[in-house]
């Protein structure tokens, strides 16, 4: 038998074509993006998408008990009945009214105060900059429930040294009264969020090109004018970010009013939407109602966040 042998490649044959450098670079970028995004995607699915899907599922069902409620219960499909019950409940709607008033007071106050502190630190008027940053940020490091307990002690008549000090000056003040309980809650949240937002603004101000600040100084602009007309417009994106974070945090208000519910009748068990959800789930054992309220709160939060983002985008295009 005669065997055929392949002829060896000639020395002058060209090598096989290699991948273009551009295609190789794109492939490496895709691999890197996949590796970096995989943990985030897994966490997003595990802690957000799956719970949201389960909440939507629970909102469409309810427990139906036979007789006087002593018999065994069975799960029945109710459709959108829980959503209609939530939207027709005056206590749930009043909770959104409370949150709206809270946002009107809290969001501008925390944004303006933290931005003012960041501008003062960036101006160099304070020498011990690191110490000042630590002192302002320190209240944010305290857990929210501990801070709320401390402030509740300062608000309670008969216990608070602040109220006793005001009484010695013939000043009577009730921090837990009808018209003062909401500002008292705003005060607790303000001390907790001031340092965190100040750090965001200060980091944005430190990233500004110093040439712009020097040019404004050469043109004769003072410190206040430079801060308001040069620095603040440049860090507009950070202002929008802090506004969005503050708005989302305000919609999730729960810890402070939940503790005050134990100290004053002015804060009922459904004072905010989150307290309404807690009351429906763990006091009335109506998980379908609580899930429907949670989904509605999520939709409102997403809509408001999208509205803030769209509004800021239009402002930037107009300025540009």
Protein backbone atom coordinates (compact mmCIF):
# COMPACT_ATOMS: atom_id res chain seq x y z
CA UNK A 1 0.00 0.00 0.00
CA UNK A 2 1.23 3.37 -0.87
CA UNK A 3 0.77 6.04 1.79
CA UNK A 4 0.32 9.63 0.84
CA UNK A 5 2.24 12.16 2.83
CA UNK A 6 1.32 15.77 3.09
CA UNK A 7 3.84 18.06 1.63
CA UNK A 8 5.51 20.26 4.22
CA UNK A 9 4.58 23.91 3.97
CA UNK A 10 6.97 25.89 1.97
CA UNK A 11 9.22 28.30 3.77
CA UNK A 12 7.76 31.25 1.95
CA UNK A 13 4.09 30.50 2.84
CA UNK A 14 2.39 33.37 4.77
CA UNK A 15 1.37 32.68 8.43
CA UNK A 16 -2.35 32.28 9.25
CA UNK A 17 -4.10 35.62 9.68
CA UNK A 18 -4.29 36.82 13.28
CA UNK A 19 -7.23 38.64 14.85
CA UNK A 20 -7.11 42.37 14.30
CA UNK A 21 -5.97 44.32 17.38
CA UNK A 22 -9.27 46.20 17.49
CA UNK A 23 -11.30 42.98 17.64
CA UNK A 24 -9.02 41.57 20.35
CA UNK A 25 -9.41 44.75 22.41
CA UNK A 26 -13.17 44.63 22.17
CA UNK A 27 -13.20 41.00 23.24
CA UNK A 28 -11.07 41.78 26.28
CA UNK A 29 -13.36 44.69 27.18
CA UNK A 30 -16.42 42.43 26.98
CA UNK A 31 -14.77 39.82 29.19
CA UNK A 32 -13.74 42.46 31.73
CA UNK A 33 -17.23 44.00 31.73
CA UNK A 34 -18.81 40.57 32.23
CA UNK A 35 -16.50 39.74 35.13
CA UNK A 36 -17.16 43.09 36.83
CA UNK A 37 -20.92 43.11 36.27
CA UNK A 38 -21.60 39.51 37.28
CA UNK A 39 -21.48 40.09 41.10
CA UNK A 40 -23.66 43.20 40.79
CA UNK A 41 -26.17 41.39 38.59
CA UNK A 42 -26.31 38.45 40.99
CA UNK A 43 -26.91 40.75 43.96
CA UNK A 44 -29.52 42.74 42.01
CA UNK A 45 -31.43 39.58 41.21
CA UNK A 46 -31.10 38.14 44.72
CA UNK A 47 -31.91 41.18 46.87
CA UNK A 48 -34.15 43.23 44.56
CA UNK A 49 -35.77 41.46 41.61
CA UNK A 50 -36.70 38.25 43.43
CA UNK A 51 -38.19 40.06 46.48
CA UNK A 52 -40.10 42.44 44.20
CA UNK A 53 -41.46 39.53 42.19
CA UNK A 54 -42.47 37.71 45.37
CA UNK A 55 -44.17 40.86 46.71
CA UNK A 56 -46.15 41.18 43.48
CA UNK A 57 -47.14 37.53 43.78
CA UNK A 58 -48.29 37.96 47.40
CA UNK A 59 -50.26 41.08 46.51
CA UNK A 60 -52.45 39.06 44.13
CA UNK A 61 -53.51 36.51 46.77
CA UNK A 62 -55.04 36.57 50.23
CA UNK A 63 -55.89 34.15 53.02
CA UNK A 64 -59.55 33.16 53.16
CA UNK A 65 -60.65 31.76 56.54
CA UNK A 66 -63.78 29.67 56.89
CA UNK A 67 -66.53 30.32 59.44
CA UNK A 68 -65.54 32.69 62.25
CA UNK A 69 -61.87 32.41 61.45
CA UNK A 70 -61.21 29.32 63.57
CA UNK A 71 -61.12 26.98 60.59
CA UNK A 72 -58.22 26.39 58.30
CA UNK A 73 -57.40 29.13 55.83
CA UNK A 74 -56.83 28.76 52.14
CA UNK A 75 -55.04 30.98 49.68
CA UNK A 76 -57.31 32.50 47.04
CA UNK A 77 -56.54 34.64 44.03
CA UNK A 78 -57.90 38.17 44.50
CA UNK A 79 -56.32 40.02 41.60
CA UNK A 80 -56.07 43.75 42.14
CA UNK A 81 -58.40 43.84 45.14
CA UNK A 82 -55.56 44.51 47.57
CA UNK A 83 -54.33 47.43 45.47
CA UNK A 84 -57.83 48.94 45.41
CA UNK A 85 -58.12 48.51 49.18
CA UNK A 86 -54.79 50.28 49.73
CA UNK A 87 -55.59 53.16 47.40
CA UNK A 88 -59.01 53.64 49.03
CA UNK A 89 -57.62 53.57 52.57
CA UNK A 90 -57.49 57.15 53.98
CA UNK A 91 -54.69 56.24 56.42
CA UNK A 92 -52.41 55.15 53.56
CA UNK A 93 -53.10 58.34 51.59
CA UNK A 94 -52.57 60.49 54.69
CA UNK A 95 -49.21 58.74 55.15
CA UNK A 96 -48.18 59.95 51.70
CA UNK A 97 -49.36 63.44 52.67
CA UNK A 98 -47.12 63.27 55.74
CA UNK A 99 -44.19 62.15 53.61
CA UNK A 100 -44.83 64.96 51.10
CA UNK A 101 -44.72 67.57 53.89
CA UNK A 102 -41.63 65.89 55.33
CA UNK A 103 -39.88 66.07 51.93
CA UNK A 104 -40.76 69.76 51.53
CA UNK A 105 -39.03 70.49 54.83
CA UNK A 106 -36.22 67.94 54.89
CA UNK A 107 -34.86 67.75 51.33
CA UNK A 108 -34.11 71.49 50.80
CA UNK A 109 -32.80 71.80 54.35
CA UNK A 110 -30.35 68.90 54.14
CA UNK A 111 -29.17 69.81 50.62
CA UNK A 112 -28.57 73.49 51.38
CA UNK A 113 -26.96 72.82 54.78
CA UNK A 114 -24.60 70.11 53.57
CA UNK A 115 -23.65 72.14 50.49
CA UNK A 116 -22.94 75.19 52.66
CA UNK A 117 -20.71 73.14 54.96
CA UNK A 118 -18.84 71.69 51.98
CA UNK A 119 -18.30 75.16 50.51
CA UNK A 120 -16.95 76.44 53.83
CA UNK A 121 -14.53 73.51 54.09
CA UNK A 122 -13.43 73.92 50.47
CA UNK A 123 -12.82 77.65 50.90
CA UNK A 124 -10.04 77.07 53.41
CA UNK A 125 -11.60 79.22 56.15
CA UNK A 126 -11.41 76.29 58.57
CA UNK A 127 -7.89 75.22 59.42
CA UNK A 128 -8.58 71.85 61.03
CA UNK A 129 -10.32 70.51 57.97
CA UNK A 130 -9.95 66.81 58.78
CA UNK A 131 -11.22 67.27 62.32
CA UNK A 132 -14.21 69.29 61.12
CA UNK A 133 -15.08 66.61 58.55
CA UNK A 134 -14.91 63.89 61.19
CA UNK A 135 -17.09 65.83 63.64
CA UNK A 136 -19.75 66.54 61.01
CA UNK A 137 -19.69 62.97 59.68
CA UNK A 138 -19.72 61.34 63.13
CA UNK A 139 -23.54 61.48 63.62
CA UNK A 140 -23.96 59.50 60.37
CA UNK A 141 -21.80 56.72 61.81
CA UNK A 142 -24.24 56.27 64.70
CA UNK A 143 -26.95 53.69 63.84
CA UNK A 144 -30.28 55.31 63.09
CA UNK A 145 -32.20 53.55 65.83
CA UNK A 146 -29.65 54.59 68.48
CA UNK A 147 -29.74 58.20 67.29
CA UNK A 148 -33.55 58.12 67.39
CA UNK A 149 -33.52 56.79 70.96
CA UNK A 150 -31.11 59.55 72.05
CA UNK A 151 -33.23 62.27 70.46
CA UNK A 152 -36.41 60.76 71.89
CA UNK A 153 -34.85 61.07 75.34
CA UNK A 154 -34.13 64.75 74.62
CA UNK A 155 -37.72 65.26 73.41
CA UNK A 156 -39.52 63.56 76.32
CA UNK A 157 -40.92 65.91 79.00
CA UNK A 158 -39.72 65.12 82.51
CA UNK A 159 -36.55 63.48 81.18
CA UNK A 160 -35.09 65.96 78.74
CA UNK A 161 -32.46 68.39 80.09
CA UNK A 162 -33.19 70.61 77.07
CA UNK A 163 -36.84 71.05 78.08
CA UNK A 164 -35.77 71.76 81.69
CA UNK A 165 -33.32 74.38 80.43
CA UNK A 166 -36.05 76.06 78.39
CA UNK A 167 -38.38 75.92 81.42
CA UNK A 168 -35.86 77.85 83.51
CA UNK A 169 -36.03 80.60 80.90
CA UNK A 170 -39.88 80.53 81.04
CA UNK A 171 -40.06 78.94 77.58
CA UNK A 172 -42.53 76.09 77.16
CA UNK A 173 -41.95 73.82 74.21
CA UNK A 174 -43.39 70.42 73.36
CA UNK A 175 -41.24 68.60 70.82
CA UNK A 176 -43.86 65.86 70.50
CA UNK A 177 -46.86 68.10 69.95
CA UNK A 178 -49.22 68.21 67.00
CA UNK A 179 -47.33 70.90 65.07
CA UNK A 180 -43.81 70.07 66.29
CA UNK A 181 -43.54 66.30 65.96
CA UNK A 182 -42.76 66.40 62.23
CA UNK A 183 -40.01 69.06 62.60
CA UNK A 184 -38.61 66.95 65.44
CA UNK A 185 -38.39 63.96 63.08
CA UNK A 186 -36.78 66.18 60.43
CA UNK A 187 -34.17 67.24 63.00
CA UNK A 188 -33.20 63.63 63.72
CA UNK A 189 -32.86 62.79 60.03
CA UNK A 190 -30.97 66.04 59.37
CA UNK A 191 -28.23 65.27 61.88
CA UNK A 192 -27.86 61.78 60.44
CA UNK A 193 -27.69 62.79 56.78
CA UNK A 194 -25.78 66.05 57.00
CA UNK A 195 -22.29 64.58 57.21
CA UNK A 196 -22.81 61.99 54.48
CA UNK A 197 -24.10 64.53 51.96
CA UNK A 198 -21.40 67.00 52.95
CA UNK A 199 -18.73 64.42 52.03
CA UNK A 200 -20.32 63.98 48.58
CA UNK A 201 -20.30 67.74 47.93
CA UNK A 202 -16.80 68.19 49.31
CA UNK A 203 -15.42 65.44 47.05
CA UNK A 204 -17.08 67.09 44.03
CA UNK A 205 -15.65 70.49 44.99
CA UNK A 206 -12.16 69.06 45.41
CA UNK A 207 -12.35 67.69 41.85
CA UNK A 208 -12.95 71.15 40.37
CA UNK A 209 -10.08 72.53 38.26
CA UNK A 210 -8.23 75.12 40.29
CA UNK A 211 -7.70 77.21 37.14
CA UNK A 212 -11.40 78.09 37.10
CA UNK A 213 -11.30 79.26 40.72
CA UNK A 214 -8.13 81.27 40.10
CA UNK A 215 -9.67 82.90 37.02
CA UNK A 216 -12.73 83.94 39.04
CA UNK A 217 -10.47 85.40 41.73
CA UNK A 218 -8.45 87.34 39.15
CA UNK A 219 -11.69 88.74 37.69
CA UNK A 220 -12.47 90.22 41.10
CA UNK A 221 -15.05 87.73 42.36
CA UNK A 222 -15.18 87.42 46.14
CA UNK A 223 -15.51 84.23 48.11
CA UNK A 224 -19.31 84.20 48.25
CA UNK A 225 -19.70 85.12 44.58
CA UNK A 226 -17.20 82.45 43.55
CA UNK A 227 -19.04 79.85 45.60
CA UNK A 228 -22.51 80.69 44.29
CA UNK A 229 -21.75 81.53 40.66
CA UNK A 230 -18.76 79.29 39.89
CA UNK A 231 -18.60 76.30 42.23
CA UNK A 232 -22.29 75.50 42.70
CA UNK A 233 -23.17 75.43 38.95
CA UNK A 234 -20.24 73.11 38.24
CA UNK A 235 -21.28 70.59 40.93
CA UNK A 236 -24.92 70.61 39.78
CA UNK A 237 -24.78 66.87 39.09
CA UNK A 238 -23.83 66.20 42.71
CA UNK A 239 -26.71 68.41 43.88
CA UNK A 240 -29.15 66.36 41.80
CA UNK A 241 -27.65 63.13 43.16
CA UNK A 242 -28.03 64.26 46.77
CA UNK A 243 -31.59 65.43 46.10
CA UNK A 244 -32.46 62.01 44.67
CA UNK A 245 -30.86 60.12 47.57
CA UNK A 246 -32.62 62.37 50.10
CA UNK A 247 -35.95 61.91 48.35
CA UNK A 248 -35.63 58.13 48.27
CA UNK A 249 -34.59 58.10 51.93
CA UNK A 250 -37.55 60.30 52.87
CA UNK A 251 -39.98 57.91 51.19
CA UNK A 252 -38.53 55.09 53.32
CA UNK A 253 -39.01 56.97 56.61
CA UNK A 254 -39.70 54.41 59.33
CA UNK A 255 -37.31 54.24 62.30
CA UNK A 256 -37.82 57.69 63.82
CA UNK A 257 -41.66 57.80 63.72
CA UNK A 258 -41.85 54.15 64.78
CA UNK A 259 -40.04 54.95 68.02
CA UNK A 260 -42.03 58.14 68.56
CA UNK A 261 -45.20 56.11 68.19
CA UNK A 262 -44.41 54.71 71.64
CA UNK A 263 -44.05 58.19 73.19
CA UNK A 264 -46.74 60.39 71.65
CA UNK A 265 -50.25 59.85 70.29
CA UNK A 266 -49.49 62.34 67.51
CA UNK A 267 -47.66 59.55 65.66
CA UNK A 268 -50.09 56.72 64.95
CA UNK A 269 -49.27 53.24 63.71
CA UNK A 270 -49.83 54.28 60.07
CA UNK A 271 -48.01 57.61 60.17
CA UNK A 272 -45.94 56.88 57.04
CA UNK A 273 -46.36 54.39 54.16
CA UNK A 274 -43.66 52.14 55.63
CA UNK A 275 -45.42 52.12 58.99
CA UNK A 276 -48.66 51.27 57.17
CA UNK A 277 -46.90 48.30 55.54
CA UNK A 278 -45.50 47.15 58.89
CA UNK A 279 -48.91 47.47 60.54
CA UNK A 280 -50.65 45.53 57.76
CA UNK A 281 -48.10 42.70 57.77
CA UNK A 282 -47.25 42.18 61.45
CA UNK A 283 -50.26 43.52 63.33
CA UNK A 284 -53.15 42.70 61.01
CA UNK A 285 -51.42 39.68 59.39
CA UNK A 286 -52.60 40.81 55.96
CA UNK A 287 -49.60 40.07 53.78
CA UNK A 288 -51.48 40.69 50.55
CA UNK A 289 -52.36 44.22 51.66
CA UNK A 290 -48.81 44.87 52.88
CA UNK A 291 -47.35 43.59 49.61
CA UNK A 292 -49.69 45.75 47.54
CA UNK A 293 -48.73 48.82 49.58
CA UNK A 294 -45.04 47.95 49.11
CA UNK A 295 -45.41 47.69 45.34
CA UNK A 296 -47.25 51.03 45.22
CA UNK A 297 -44.50 52.66 47.28
CA UNK A 298 -41.87 51.19 44.95
CA UNK A 299 -43.67 52.55 41.88
CA UNK A 300 -43.95 56.02 43.42
CA UNK A 301 -40.24 55.98 44.32
CA UNK A 302 -39.21 54.93 40.80
CA UNK A 303 -41.46 57.55 39.18
CA UNK A 304 -40.14 60.37 41.37
CA UNK A 305 -36.52 59.30 40.81
CA UNK A 306 -37.09 59.20 37.05
CA UNK A 307 -38.75 62.63 37.17
CA UNK A 308 -35.79 64.14 39.04
CA UNK A 309 -33.35 62.58 36.55
CA UNK A 310 -35.30 63.85 33.53
CA UNK A 311 -35.62 67.32 35.03
CA UNK A 312 -31.90 67.55 35.73
CA UNK A 313 -31.10 66.31 32.20
CA UNK A 314 -33.27 69.00 30.64
CA UNK A 315 -31.67 71.67 32.81
CA UNK A 316 -28.18 70.57 31.75
CA UNK A 317 -29.16 70.62 28.05
CA UNK A 318 -30.58 74.11 28.39
CA UNK A 319 -27.49 75.37 30.16
CA UNK A 320 -25.28 73.65 27.60
